[in-house]
PDB file of N, CA and C in Angstrom:
ATOM      1  N   MET A   1      -8.870  -1.967 -11.631  1.00  0.00           N
ATOM      2  CA  MET A   1      -7.792  -0.704 -10.065  1.00  0.00           C
ATOM      3  C   MET A   1      -6.615  -0.966 -10.093  1.00  0.00           C
ATOM      4  N   LEU A   2      -5.882   0.846 -10.135  1.00  0.00           N
ATOM      5  CA  LEU A   2      -5.291   1.155  -9.725  1.00  0.00           C
ATOM      6  C   LEU A   2      -3.943   0.265  -8.430  1.00  0.00           C
ATOM      7  N   LEU A   3      -4.547   0.250  -7.731  1.00  0.00           N
ATOM      8  CA  LEU A   3      -4.285  -0.594  -6.316  1.00  0.00           C
ATOM      9  C   LEU A   3      -5.700  -1.264  -5.726  1.00  0.00           C
ATOM     10  N   GLU A   4      -4.846  -2.808  -5.033  1.00  0.00           N
ATOM     11  CA  GLU A   4      -5.442  -3.680  -4.805  1.00  0.00           C
ATOM     12  C   GLU A   4      -5.251  -3.665  -3.307  1.00  0.00           C
ATOM     13  N   PHE A   5      -5.971  -3.295  -1.938  1.00  0.00           N
ATOM     14  CA  PHE A   5      -5.836  -3.329  -0.874  1.00  0.00           C
ATOM     15  C   PHE A   5      -6.794  -4.918   0.027  1.00  0.00           C
ATOM     16  N   VAL A   6      -5.318  -5.551   1.058  1.00  0.00           N
ATOM     17  CA  VAL A   6      -5.971  -7.107   1.362  1.00  0.00           C
ATOM     18  C   VAL A   6      -5.744  -6.221   2.949  1.00  0.00           C
ATOM     19  N   LEU A   7      -6.514  -6.280   3.663  1.00  0.00           N
ATOM     20  CA  LEU A   7      -6.457  -5.376   5.595  1.00  0.00           C
ATOM     21  C   LEU A   7      -6.423  -6.970   6.224  1.00  0.00           C
ATOM     22  N   ASP A   8      -5.179  -7.736   6.807  1.00  0.00           N
ATOM     23  CA  ASP A   8      -5.400  -8.804   6.914  1.00  0.00           C
ATOM     24  C   ASP A   8      -5.656  -8.780   8.990  1.00  0.00           C
ATOM     25  N   GLU A   9      -5.446  -9.382   9.840  1.00  0.00           N
ATOM     26  CA  GLU A   9      -5.823  -9.036  10.829  1.00  0.00           C
ATOM     27  C   GLU A   9      -4.727  -8.109  11.622  1.00  0.00           C
ATOM     28  N   ARG A  10      -3.054  -7.948  11.173  1.00  0.00           N
ATOM     29  CA  ARG A  10      -2.286  -6.943  11.588  1.00  0.00           C
ATOM     30  C   ARG A  10      -1.515  -6.555  10.456  1.00  0.00           C
ATOM     31  N   VAL A  11      -1.560  -7.373   9.057  1.00  0.00           N
ATOM     32  CA  VAL A  11      -0.081  -6.936   8.490  1.00  0.00           C
ATOM     33  C   VAL A  11      -0.910  -7.042   6.742  1.00  0.00           C
ATOM     34  N   PRO A  12      -1.539  -4.953   6.356  1.00  0.00           N
ATOM     35  CA  PRO A  12      -2.547  -5.176   5.085  1.00  0.00           C
ATOM     36  C   PRO A  12      -1.068  -5.201   3.894  1.00  0.00           C
ATOM     37  N   VAL A  13      -2.141  -5.439   2.926  1.00  0.00           N
ATOM     38  CA  VAL A  13      -0.737  -6.008   1.973  1.00  0.00           C
ATOM     39  C   VAL A  13      -1.386  -5.377   0.454  1.00  0.00           C
ATOM     40  N   ILE A  14      -0.922  -4.509   0.410  1.00  0.00           N
ATOM     41  CA  ILE A  14      -0.638  -3.354  -0.682  1.00  0.00           C
ATOM     42  C   ILE A  14      -0.465  -3.482  -2.077  1.00  0.00           C
ATOM     43  N   THR A  15      -0.648  -4.088  -3.207  1.00  0.00           N
ATOM     44  CA  THR A  15      -0.289  -4.190  -4.167  1.00  0.00           C
ATOM     45  C   THR A  15      -0.330  -3.125  -5.568  1.00  0.00           C
ATOM     46  N   LEU A  16       0.869  -2.276  -5.885  1.00  0.00           N
ATOM     47  CA  LEU A  16       0.519  -1.862  -6.506  1.00  0.00           C
ATOM     48  C   LEU A  16      -0.126  -2.096  -8.500  1.00  0.00           C
ATOM     49  N   ASN A  17      -1.138  -2.158  -8.704  1.00  0.00           N
ATOM     50  CA  ASN A  17      -1.376  -2.321 -10.066  1.00  0.00           C
ATOM     51  C   ASN A  17      -1.139  -1.810 -11.760  1.00  0.00           C
ATOM     52  N   ARG A  18      -0.103  -1.659 -11.916  1.00  0.00           N
ATOM     53  CA  ARG A  18       0.291  -1.210 -13.098  1.00  0.00           C
ATOM     54  C   ARG A  18       0.904  -1.384 -13.847  1.00  0.00           C
ATOM     55  N   PRO A  19       0.733  -3.022 -14.165  1.00  0.00           N
ATOM     56  CA  PRO A  19       2.440  -3.745 -14.387  1.00  0.00           C
ATOM     57  C   PRO A  19       2.829  -3.300 -15.907  1.00  0.00           C
ATOM     58  N   HIS A  20       1.389  -2.818 -16.818  1.00  0.00           N
ATOM     59  CA  HIS A  20       2.114  -1.987 -18.216  1.00  0.00           C
ATOM     60  C   HIS A  20       2.686  -1.532 -18.151  1.00  0.00           C
ATOM     61  N   ALA A  21       2.519  -0.391 -17.071  1.00  0.00           N
ATOM     62  CA  ALA A  21       3.570   0.979 -16.812  1.00  0.00           C
ATOM     63  C   ALA A  21       4.769   0.808 -15.721  1.00  0.00           C
ATOM     64  N   ASP A  22       4.792  -0.057 -15.246  1.00  0.00           N
ATOM     65  CA  ASP A  22       6.834  -0.634 -14.404  1.00  0.00           C
ATOM     66  C   ASP A  22       5.516   0.182 -12.953  1.00  0.00           C
ATOM     67  N   ASN A  23       4.352  -0.339 -13.258  1.00  0.00           N
ATOM     68  CA  ASN A  23       4.049   0.605 -11.818  1.00  0.00           C
ATOM     69  C   ASN A  23       4.480   1.909 -11.305  1.00  0.00           C
ATOM     70  N   ALA A  24       4.442   2.515 -12.132  1.00  0.00           N
ATOM     71  CA  ALA A  24       4.830   3.519 -11.963  1.00  0.00           C
ATOM     72  C   ALA A  24       3.811   4.440 -11.232  1.00  0.00           C
ATOM     73  N   ILE A  25       3.844   5.374  -9.746  1.00  0.00           N
ATOM     74  CA  ILE A  25       2.181   6.210  -9.251  1.00  0.00           C
ATOM     75  C   ILE A  25       2.147   7.445 -10.376  1.00  0.00           C
ATOM     76  N   THR A  26       1.038   7.822 -10.218  1.00  0.00           N
ATOM     77  CA  THR A  26      -0.010   8.582 -11.158  1.00  0.00           C
ATOM     78  C   THR A  26      -0.848   9.931 -10.370  1.00  0.00           C
ATOM     79  N   THR A  27      -1.288  10.624 -10.610  1.00  0.00           N
ATOM     80  CA  THR A  27      -2.032  11.444  -9.673  1.00  0.00           C
ATOM     81  C   THR A  27      -3.048  10.719  -9.048  1.00  0.00           C
ATOM     82  N   GLU A  28      -3.786   9.763  -9.486  1.00  0.00           N
ATOM     83  CA  GLU A  28      -5.237   8.984  -9.299  1.00  0.00           C
ATOM     84  C   GLU A  28      -4.316   7.728  -7.880  1.00  0.00           C
ATOM     85  N   LEU A  29      -3.296   6.956  -8.918  1.00  0.00           N
ATOM     86  CA  LEU A  29      -2.657   5.983  -8.245  1.00  0.00           C
ATOM     87  C   LEU A  29      -2.188   6.604  -6.250  1.00  0.00           C
ATOM     88  N   ALA A  30      -2.176   7.467  -6.815  1.00  0.00           N
ATOM     89  CA  ALA A  30      -1.463   8.216  -5.709  1.00  0.00           C
ATOM     90  C   ALA A  30      -2.844   8.317  -4.694  1.00  0.00           C
ATOM     91  N   VAL A  31      -3.589   9.033  -4.501  1.00  0.00           N
ATOM     92  CA  VAL A  31      -4.469   9.248  -4.197  1.00  0.00           C
ATOM     93  C   VAL A  31      -5.289   8.121  -3.537  1.00  0.00           C
ATOM     94  N   GLN A  32      -5.364   6.724  -3.981  1.00  0.00           N
ATOM     95  CA  GLN A  32      -5.613   5.732  -3.972  1.00  0.00           C
ATOM     96  C   GLN A  32      -5.481   5.702  -2.785  1.00  0.00           C
ATOM     97  N   PHE A  33      -3.828   5.630  -2.886  1.00  0.00           N
ATOM     98  CA  PHE A  33      -2.270   5.252  -1.738  1.00  0.00           C
ATOM     99  C   PHE A  33      -2.438   5.815  -0.027  1.00  0.00           C
ATOM    100  N   ILE A  34      -2.756   7.443  -0.962  1.00  0.00           N
ATOM    101  CA  ILE A  34      -3.239   7.945   0.993  1.00  0.00           C
ATOM    102  C   ILE A  34      -4.497   7.527   1.735  1.00  0.00           C
ATOM    103  N   GLU A  35      -5.637   6.902   0.749  1.00  0.00           N
ATOM    104  CA  GLU A  35      -6.719   6.496   1.389  1.00  0.00           C
ATOM    105  C   GLU A  35      -6.351   5.422   2.471  1.00  0.00           C
ATOM    106  N   VAL A  36      -6.186   4.386   1.198  1.00  0.00           N
ATOM    107  CA  VAL A  36      -5.399   3.763   2.044  1.00  0.00           C
ATOM    108  C   VAL A  36      -4.777   3.326   3.310  1.00  0.00           C
ATOM    109  N   LEU A  37      -3.494   4.306   3.500  1.00  0.00           N
ATOM    110  CA  LEU A  37      -2.934   4.833   4.337  1.00  0.00           C
ATOM    111  C   LEU A  37      -3.976   5.311   5.500  1.00  0.00           C
ATOM    112  N   GLU A  38      -3.945   6.355   5.106  1.00  0.00           N
ATOM    113  CA  GLU A  38      -4.929   6.463   6.282  1.00  0.00           C
ATOM    114  C   GLU A  38      -6.434   5.601   6.903  1.00  0.00           C
ATOM    115  N   THR A  39      -6.973   4.306   5.938  1.00  0.00           N
ATOM    116  CA  THR A  39      -7.355   3.234   6.672  1.00  0.00           C
ATOM    117  C   THR A  39      -6.531   2.577   7.756  1.00  0.00           C
ATOM    118  N   ILE A  40      -5.629   2.084   7.124  1.00  0.00           N
ATOM    119  CA  ILE A  40      -4.099   1.628   8.121  1.00  0.00           C
ATOM    120  C   ILE A  40      -3.915   2.256   8.943  1.00  0.00           C
ATOM    121  N   ALA A  41      -3.609   3.887   9.259  1.00  0.00           N
ATOM    122  CA  ALA A  41      -3.370   4.180   9.953  1.00  0.00           C
ATOM    123  C   ALA A  41      -5.103   4.516  11.445  1.00  0.00           C
ATOM    124  N   ALA A  42      -5.894   4.627  11.134  1.00  0.00           N
ATOM    125  CA  ALA A  42      -7.005   3.941  12.254  1.00  0.00           C
ATOM    126  C   ALA A  42      -6.693   2.620  12.552  1.00  0.00           C
ATOM    127  N   ARG A  43      -6.096   2.073  12.151  1.00  0.00           N
ATOM    128  CA  ARG A  43      -5.970   0.620  13.064  1.00  0.00           C
ATOM    129  C   ARG A  43      -4.575   0.094  13.964  1.00  0.00           C
ATOM    130  N   PRO A  44      -5.109   0.785  15.308  1.00  0.00           N
ATOM    131  CA  PRO A  44      -3.923   0.047  15.829  1.00  0.00           C
ATOM    132  C   PRO A  44      -3.340  -0.447  16.227  1.00  0.00           C
ATOM    133  N   SER A  45      -3.684  -1.569  16.068  1.00  0.00           N
ATOM    134  CA  SER A  45      -2.723  -3.417  15.450  1.00  0.00           C
ATOM    135  C   SER A  45      -2.405  -3.120  14.559  1.00  0.00           C
ATOM    136  N   VAL A  46      -2.492  -2.203  13.326  1.00  0.00           N
ATOM    137  CA  VAL A  46      -0.914  -2.739  12.873  1.00  0.00           C
ATOM    138  C   VAL A  46       0.879  -1.962  12.802  1.00  0.00           C
ATOM    139  N   ARG A  47       1.146  -2.302  12.372  1.00  0.00           N
ATOM    140  CA  ARG A  47       2.577  -1.311  12.519  1.00  0.00           C
ATOM    141  C   ARG A  47       3.621  -1.745  11.703  1.00  0.00           C
ATOM    142  N   VAL A  48       2.964  -2.584  10.649  1.00  0.00           N
ATOM    143  CA  VAL A  48       3.974  -2.801   9.284  1.00  0.00           C
ATOM    144  C   VAL A  48       2.898  -3.134   8.446  1.00  0.00           C
ATOM    145  N   ALA A  49       3.431  -2.630   7.056  1.00  0.00           N
ATOM    146  CA  ALA A  49       2.553  -2.651   5.952  1.00  0.00           C
ATOM    147  C   ALA A  49       3.669  -3.534   4.817  1.00  0.00           C
ATOM    148  N   VAL A  50       2.951  -4.382   3.966  1.00  0.00           N
ATOM    149  CA  VAL A  50       3.513  -4.632   2.216  1.00  0.00           C
ATOM    150  C   VAL A  50       3.594  -4.567   1.403  1.00  0.00           C
ATOM    151  N   LEU A  51       4.163  -3.681   1.017  1.00  0.00           N
ATOM    152  CA  LEU A  51       4.252  -2.568  -0.471  1.00  0.00           C
ATOM    153  C   LEU A  51       4.444  -3.595  -1.248  1.00  0.00           C
ATOM    154  N   THR A  52       3.997  -4.147  -2.438  1.00  0.00           N
ATOM    155  CA  THR A  52       4.360  -5.104  -3.793  1.00  0.00           C
ATOM    156  C   THR A  52       3.382  -4.533  -5.236  1.00  0.00           C
ATOM    157  N   SER A  53       3.865  -4.987  -5.742  1.00  0.00           N
ATOM    158  CA  SER A  53       3.285  -4.820  -7.006  1.00  0.00           C
ATOM    159  C   SER A  53       2.986  -5.663  -8.094  1.00  0.00           C
ATOM    160  N   ALA A  54       2.045  -5.609  -8.529  1.00  0.00           N
ATOM    161  CA  ALA A  54       1.553  -6.253  -9.830  1.00  0.00           C
ATOM    162  C   ALA A  54       2.686  -6.651 -11.134  1.00  0.00           C
ATOM    163  N   GLY A  55       3.461  -7.790 -11.686  1.00  0.00           N
ATOM    164  CA  GLY A  55       3.516  -7.914 -12.453  1.00  0.00           C
ATOM    165  C   GLY A  55       5.272  -7.706 -12.288  1.00  0.00           C
ATOM    166  N   THR A  56       6.574  -7.924 -12.869  1.00  0.00           N
ATOM    167  CA  THR A  56       7.974  -7.808 -12.872  1.00  0.00           C
ATOM    168  C   THR A  56       7.660  -6.182 -12.901  1.00  0.00           C
ATOM    169  N   GLY A  57       6.976  -5.316 -12.459  1.00  0.00           N
ATOM    170  CA  GLY A  57       7.928  -3.397 -12.546  1.00  0.00           C
ATOM    171  C   GLY A  57       8.810  -3.157 -11.259  1.00  0.00           C
ATOM    172  N   PRO A  58       9.539  -2.427 -10.068  1.00  0.00           N
ATOM    173  CA  PRO A  58      10.403  -2.696  -9.544  1.00  0.00           C
ATOM    174  C   PRO A  58       8.497  -2.065  -8.428  1.00  0.00           C
ATOM    175  N   CYS A  59       9.328  -2.990  -7.049  1.00  0.00           N
ATOM    176  CA  CYS A  59       8.834  -1.492  -5.792  1.00  0.00           C
ATOM    177  C   CYS A  59       9.343  -2.300  -4.825  1.00  0.00           C
ATOM    178  N   PRO A  60       9.399  -1.239  -3.347  1.00  0.00           N
ATOM    179  CA  PRO A  60      10.348  -1.781  -2.480  1.00  0.00           C
ATOM    180  C   PRO A  60       8.839  -2.773  -1.566  1.00  0.00           C
ATOM    181  N   SER A  61       8.925  -3.890  -1.218  1.00  0.00           N
ATOM    182  CA  SER A  61       8.801  -4.770  -1.093  1.00  0.00           C
ATOM    183  C   SER A  61       7.603  -5.230   0.932  1.00  0.00           C
ATOM    184  N   VAL A  62       8.990  -3.585   1.421  1.00  0.00           N
ATOM    185  CA  VAL A  62       7.784  -3.657   2.683  1.00  0.00           C
ATOM    186  C   VAL A  62       7.977  -2.287   3.937  1.00  0.00           C
ATOM    187  N   VAL A  63       7.334  -1.765   3.993  1.00  0.00           N
ATOM    188  CA  VAL A  63       6.536  -0.791   4.469  1.00  0.00           C
ATOM    189  C   VAL A  63       6.697  -0.848   5.575  1.00  0.00           C
ATOM    190  N   THR A  64       7.515   0.315   6.762  1.00  0.00           N
ATOM    191  CA  THR A  64       7.218  -0.513   8.124  1.00  0.00           C
ATOM    192  C   THR A  64       6.543   1.289   8.298  1.00  0.00           C
ATOM    193  N   CYS A  65       5.604   1.393   9.906  1.00  0.00           N
ATOM    194  CA  CYS A  65       5.061   2.491   9.414  1.00  0.00           C
ATOM    195  C   CYS A  65       5.032   3.101  11.157  1.00  0.00           C
ATOM    196  N   THR A  66       5.010   3.712  12.142  1.00  0.00           N
ATOM    197  CA  THR A  66       4.561   4.124  13.372  1.00  0.00           C
ATOM    198  C   THR A  66       2.884   4.976  13.209  1.00  0.00           C
ATOM    199  N   ASN A  67       1.853   4.077  14.123  1.00  0.00           N
ATOM    200  CA  ASN A  67       0.478   4.460  14.467  1.00  0.00           C
ATOM    201  C   ASN A  67       1.118   6.237  14.349  1.00  0.00           C
ATOM    202  N   ALA A  68      -0.602   6.726  13.869  1.00  0.00           N
ATOM    203  CA  ALA A  68       0.161   8.422  14.056  1.00  0.00           C
ATOM    204  C   ALA A  68      -0.557   8.727  15.462  1.00  0.00           C
ATOM    205  N   ARG A  69      -1.238   8.175  16.412  1.00  0.00           N
ATOM    206  CA  ARG A  69      -1.512   8.496  18.194  1.00  0.00           C
ATOM    207  C   ARG A  69      -0.900   8.010  18.541  1.00  0.00           C
ATOM    208  N   ARG A  70       0.716   7.287  18.505  1.00  0.00           N
ATOM    209  CA  ARG A  70       1.592   7.058  19.180  1.00  0.00           C
ATOM    210  C   ARG A  70       2.251   8.304  19.390  1.00  0.00           C
TER     211      ARG A  70
END
């Protein structure tokens, strides 16, 4: 799986899982990422998501977002 997603009560954790490629974004990974963001956007209690990566490749550690319904 290219992307791992754990939805805690309020803080989802998204892990890019392509350490062999320094977690580079592919079309397939981008599609999965968008699906995860849509799932997160449907939860009004979520105000922030943690973005991390497997391995030692670069990745931003925190992504803040606003709920689209606000």
